[in-house]
């Protein structure tokens, strides 16, 4: 009886006016190769976020969608909200 645990980012999507990046991570528990449990965790990467610990896939999405114009618009939005 072998129990294994696998963690995978199974969904990365861009949402909203400021191109927030939602990342869903699935944790899959298997017994003898048969899935017995799956749970999810989500986190959001904002245009002003530190992406040091993000995966290569998320960093690529940030490079594509978090342009200087998007970052400025987001900063302006946050400044208005204060």
N, C-alpha and C. Protein backbone atom coordinates (compact mmCIF):
# COMPACT_ATOMS: atom_id res chain seq x y z
N UNK A 1 0.85 -1.17 0.00
CA UNK A 1 0.00 0.00 0.00
C UNK A 1 0.91 1.24 0.00
N UNK A 2 0.92 1.94 -1.14
CA UNK A 2 1.72 3.16 -1.26
C UNK A 2 0.81 4.37 -1.34
N UNK A 3 1.04 5.31 -0.44
CA UNK A 3 0.27 6.55 -0.46
C UNK A 3 1.20 7.66 -0.93
N UNK A 4 0.74 8.41 -1.94
CA UNK A 4 1.54 9.49 -2.48
C UNK A 4 0.74 10.79 -2.44
N UNK A 5 1.49 11.88 -2.43
CA UNK A 5 0.88 13.22 -2.42
C UNK A 5 1.50 14.01 -3.56
N UNK A 6 0.66 14.61 -4.38
CA UNK A 6 1.12 15.38 -5.52
C UNK A 6 0.49 16.77 -5.46
N UNK A 7 1.30 17.79 -5.69
CA UNK A 7 0.80 19.16 -5.72
C UNK A 7 1.08 19.72 -7.10
N UNK A 8 0.03 20.27 -7.74
CA UNK A 8 0.17 20.78 -9.09
C UNK A 8 -0.68 22.04 -9.27
N UNK A 9 -0.13 23.02 -9.97
CA UNK A 9 -0.93 24.19 -10.32
C UNK A 9 -1.74 23.79 -11.54
N UNK A 10 -3.04 23.60 -11.34
CA UNK A 10 -3.86 23.06 -12.42
C UNK A 10 -4.68 24.12 -13.15
N UNK A 11 -4.67 25.35 -12.65
CA UNK A 11 -5.41 26.40 -13.34
C UNK A 11 -4.76 27.75 -13.05
N UNK A 12 -4.45 28.48 -14.12
CA UNK A 12 -3.92 29.84 -14.00
C UNK A 12 -4.75 30.68 -14.95
N UNK A 13 -5.41 31.71 -14.40
CA UNK A 13 -6.28 32.53 -15.25
C UNK A 13 -6.13 34.01 -14.92
N UNK A 14 -6.40 34.84 -15.91
CA UNK A 14 -6.31 36.28 -15.77
C UNK A 14 -7.73 36.83 -15.66
N UNK A 15 -7.98 37.67 -14.64
CA UNK A 15 -9.33 38.20 -14.42
C UNK A 15 -9.28 39.69 -14.09
N UNK A 16 -10.33 40.38 -14.45
CA UNK A 16 -10.54 41.76 -14.03
C UNK A 16 -9.81 42.81 -14.85
N UNK A 17 -10.16 44.05 -14.55
CA UNK A 17 -9.60 45.20 -15.25
C UNK A 17 -8.10 45.34 -15.06
N UNK A 18 -7.60 44.91 -13.91
CA UNK A 18 -6.18 45.08 -13.61
C UNK A 18 -5.38 43.79 -13.80
N UNK A 19 -5.97 42.86 -14.52
CA UNK A 19 -5.29 41.61 -14.91
C UNK A 19 -4.72 40.83 -13.73
N UNK A 20 -5.51 40.71 -12.67
CA UNK A 20 -5.11 39.87 -11.55
C UNK A 20 -4.97 38.43 -12.06
N UNK A 21 -3.99 37.74 -11.56
CA UNK A 21 -3.76 36.36 -11.99
C UNK A 21 -4.15 35.43 -10.84
N UNK A 22 -5.15 34.60 -11.10
CA UNK A 22 -5.61 33.62 -10.11
C UNK A 22 -4.89 32.31 -10.36
N UNK A 23 -4.36 31.73 -9.30
CA UNK A 23 -3.64 30.47 -9.41
C UNK A 23 -4.32 29.45 -8.51
N UNK A 24 -4.75 28.34 -9.10
CA UNK A 24 -5.35 27.27 -8.32
C UNK A 24 -4.34 26.12 -8.23
N UNK A 25 -4.09 25.67 -7.02
CA UNK A 25 -3.18 24.56 -6.78
C UNK A 25 -3.99 23.39 -6.24
N UNK A 26 -3.83 22.25 -6.87
CA UNK A 26 -4.53 21.03 -6.42
C UNK A 26 -3.54 20.14 -5.68
N UNK A 27 -3.99 19.61 -4.56
CA UNK A 27 -3.22 18.61 -3.81
C UNK A 27 -3.97 17.30 -3.94
N UNK A 28 -3.31 16.32 -4.55
CA UNK A 28 -3.94 15.04 -4.84
C UNK A 28 -3.26 13.95 -4.00
N UNK A 29 -4.08 13.21 -3.27
CA UNK A 29 -3.60 12.07 -2.48
C UNK A 29 -4.01 10.79 -3.21
N UNK A 30 -3.05 9.92 -3.42
CA UNK A 30 -3.33 8.66 -4.12
C UNK A 30 -2.88 7.48 -3.27
N UNK A 31 -3.66 6.41 -3.37
CA UNK A 31 -3.30 5.15 -2.72
C UNK A 31 -3.18 4.10 -3.80
N UNK A 32 -2.00 3.54 -3.95
CA UNK A 32 -1.73 2.56 -5.01
C UNK A 32 -2.14 3.10 -6.38
N UNK A 33 -1.86 4.38 -6.62
CA UNK A 33 -2.14 4.99 -7.92
C UNK A 33 -3.58 5.43 -8.13
N UNK A 34 -4.45 5.20 -7.15
CA UNK A 34 -5.86 5.57 -7.26
C UNK A 34 -6.11 6.81 -6.40
N UNK A 35 -6.66 7.84 -7.01
CA UNK A 35 -6.94 9.06 -6.27
C UNK A 35 -7.98 8.83 -5.19
N UNK A 36 -7.63 9.23 -3.96
CA UNK A 36 -8.58 9.07 -2.86
C UNK A 36 -8.99 10.42 -2.27
N UNK A 37 -8.25 11.47 -2.62
CA UNK A 37 -8.57 12.79 -2.09
C UNK A 37 -7.99 13.87 -3.00
N UNK A 38 -8.72 14.99 -3.11
CA UNK A 38 -8.24 16.14 -3.86
C UNK A 38 -8.74 17.39 -3.16
N UNK A 39 -7.84 18.33 -2.94
CA UNK A 39 -8.24 19.61 -2.35
C UNK A 39 -7.58 20.73 -3.13
N UNK A 40 -8.16 21.93 -3.00
CA UNK A 40 -7.69 23.07 -3.78
C UNK A 40 -7.33 24.24 -2.88
N UNK A 41 -6.39 25.01 -3.35
CA UNK A 41 -6.02 26.27 -2.71
C UNK A 41 -5.87 27.29 -3.84
N UNK A 42 -6.36 28.50 -3.62
CA UNK A 42 -6.21 29.58 -4.60
C UNK A 42 -5.46 30.74 -3.99
N UNK A 43 -4.69 31.40 -4.84
CA UNK A 43 -4.12 32.69 -4.46
C UNK A 43 -4.12 33.60 -5.68
N UNK A 44 -4.08 34.88 -5.41
CA UNK A 44 -4.16 35.88 -6.48
C UNK A 44 -2.87 36.68 -6.51
N UNK A 45 -2.39 36.92 -7.71
CA UNK A 45 -1.19 37.73 -7.92
C UNK A 45 -1.64 39.06 -8.52
N UNK A 46 -1.49 40.12 -7.74
CA UNK A 46 -1.86 41.47 -8.18
C UNK A 46 -0.71 42.08 -8.98
N UNK A 47 -1.00 43.15 -9.73
CA UNK A 47 0.06 43.79 -10.52
C UNK A 47 1.23 44.32 -9.70
N UNK A 48 1.03 44.58 -8.42
CA UNK A 48 2.13 45.09 -7.58
C UNK A 48 2.75 44.02 -6.67
N UNK A 49 2.45 42.77 -6.94
CA UNK A 49 2.89 41.67 -6.07
C UNK A 49 4.35 41.30 -6.30
N UNK A 50 4.97 40.77 -5.25
CA UNK A 50 6.32 40.20 -5.33
C UNK A 50 6.15 38.79 -5.88
N UNK A 51 6.75 38.51 -7.02
CA UNK A 51 6.57 37.20 -7.66
C UNK A 51 7.79 36.29 -7.49
N UNK A 52 8.65 36.62 -6.57
CA UNK A 52 9.88 35.86 -6.36
C UNK A 52 9.62 34.36 -6.18
N UNK A 53 8.60 34.00 -5.43
CA UNK A 53 8.34 32.58 -5.13
C UNK A 53 7.31 31.93 -6.03
N UNK A 54 6.91 32.61 -7.09
CA UNK A 54 5.92 32.04 -8.01
C UNK A 54 6.60 31.08 -8.99
N UNK A 55 5.81 30.20 -9.59
CA UNK A 55 6.32 29.24 -10.56
C UNK A 55 6.70 29.96 -11.86
N UNK A 56 7.42 29.27 -12.70
CA UNK A 56 7.83 29.83 -14.00
C UNK A 56 6.60 30.17 -14.85
N UNK A 57 5.55 29.35 -14.77
CA UNK A 57 4.34 29.61 -15.54
C UNK A 57 3.68 30.91 -15.09
N UNK A 58 3.60 31.13 -13.79
CA UNK A 58 2.99 32.36 -13.26
C UNK A 58 3.86 33.55 -13.62
N UNK A 59 5.16 33.42 -13.51
CA UNK A 59 6.06 34.52 -13.89
C UNK A 59 5.89 34.89 -15.36
N UNK A 60 5.68 33.91 -16.22
CA UNK A 60 5.46 34.18 -17.64
C UNK A 60 4.15 34.94 -17.84
N UNK A 61 3.12 34.57 -17.10
CA UNK A 61 1.84 35.28 -17.20
C UNK A 61 1.99 36.72 -16.72
N UNK A 62 2.72 36.92 -15.63
CA UNK A 62 2.96 38.26 -15.10
C UNK A 62 3.68 39.10 -16.15
N UNK A 63 4.70 38.54 -16.77
CA UNK A 63 5.46 39.27 -17.78
C UNK A 63 4.56 39.69 -18.96
N UNK A 64 3.62 38.84 -19.29
CA UNK A 64 2.73 39.13 -20.42
C UNK A 64 1.63 40.13 -20.07
N UNK A 65 1.02 40.00 -18.90
CA UNK A 65 -0.18 40.77 -18.59
C UNK A 65 0.05 41.97 -17.68
N UNK A 66 1.04 41.93 -16.83
CA UNK A 66 1.28 43.05 -15.92
C UNK A 66 2.24 44.05 -16.56
N UNK A 67 1.73 44.71 -17.59
CA UNK A 67 2.51 45.71 -18.31
C UNK A 67 2.66 46.96 -17.45
N UNK A 68 3.52 47.86 -17.87
CA UNK A 68 3.70 49.12 -17.14
C UNK A 68 2.38 49.89 -17.07
N UNK A 69 1.60 49.85 -18.16
CA UNK A 69 0.30 50.56 -18.17
C UNK A 69 -0.66 49.96 -17.15
N UNK A 70 -0.70 48.65 -17.05
CA UNK A 70 -1.58 47.98 -16.08
C UNK A 70 -1.11 48.29 -14.66
N UNK A 71 0.19 48.25 -14.42
CA UNK A 71 0.72 48.54 -13.09
C UNK A 71 0.39 49.98 -12.68
N UNK A 72 0.51 50.93 -13.61
CA UNK A 72 0.21 52.33 -13.30
C UNK A 72 -1.28 52.50 -13.02
N UNK A 73 -2.13 51.89 -13.84
CA UNK A 73 -3.58 51.99 -13.63
C UNK A 73 -3.96 51.40 -12.27
N UNK A 74 -3.34 50.31 -11.90
CA UNK A 74 -3.62 49.67 -10.61
C UNK A 74 -3.16 50.56 -9.46
N UNK A 75 -1.97 51.12 -9.57
CA UNK A 75 -1.45 52.03 -8.53
C UNK A 75 -2.35 53.25 -8.39
N UNK A 76 -2.81 53.80 -9.52
CA UNK A 76 -3.73 54.94 -9.48
C UNK A 76 -5.03 54.56 -8.78
N UNK A 77 -5.53 53.39 -9.09
CA UNK A 77 -6.75 52.89 -8.47
C UNK A 77 -6.59 52.76 -6.96
N UNK A 78 -5.47 52.20 -6.52
CA UNK A 78 -5.23 52.06 -5.09
C UNK A 78 -5.10 53.41 -4.41
N UNK A 79 -4.47 54.36 -5.08
CA UNK A 79 -4.30 55.70 -4.51
C UNK A 79 -5.66 56.39 -4.34
N UNK A 80 -6.56 56.20 -5.27
CA UNK A 80 -7.90 56.79 -5.18
C UNK A 80 -8.71 56.16 -4.04
N UNK A 81 -8.45 54.91 -3.76
CA UNK A 81 -9.21 54.17 -2.75
C UNK A 81 -8.84 54.59 -1.32
N UNK A 82 -7.72 55.26 -1.17
CA UNK A 82 -7.26 55.66 0.18
C UNK A 82 -7.99 56.87 0.69
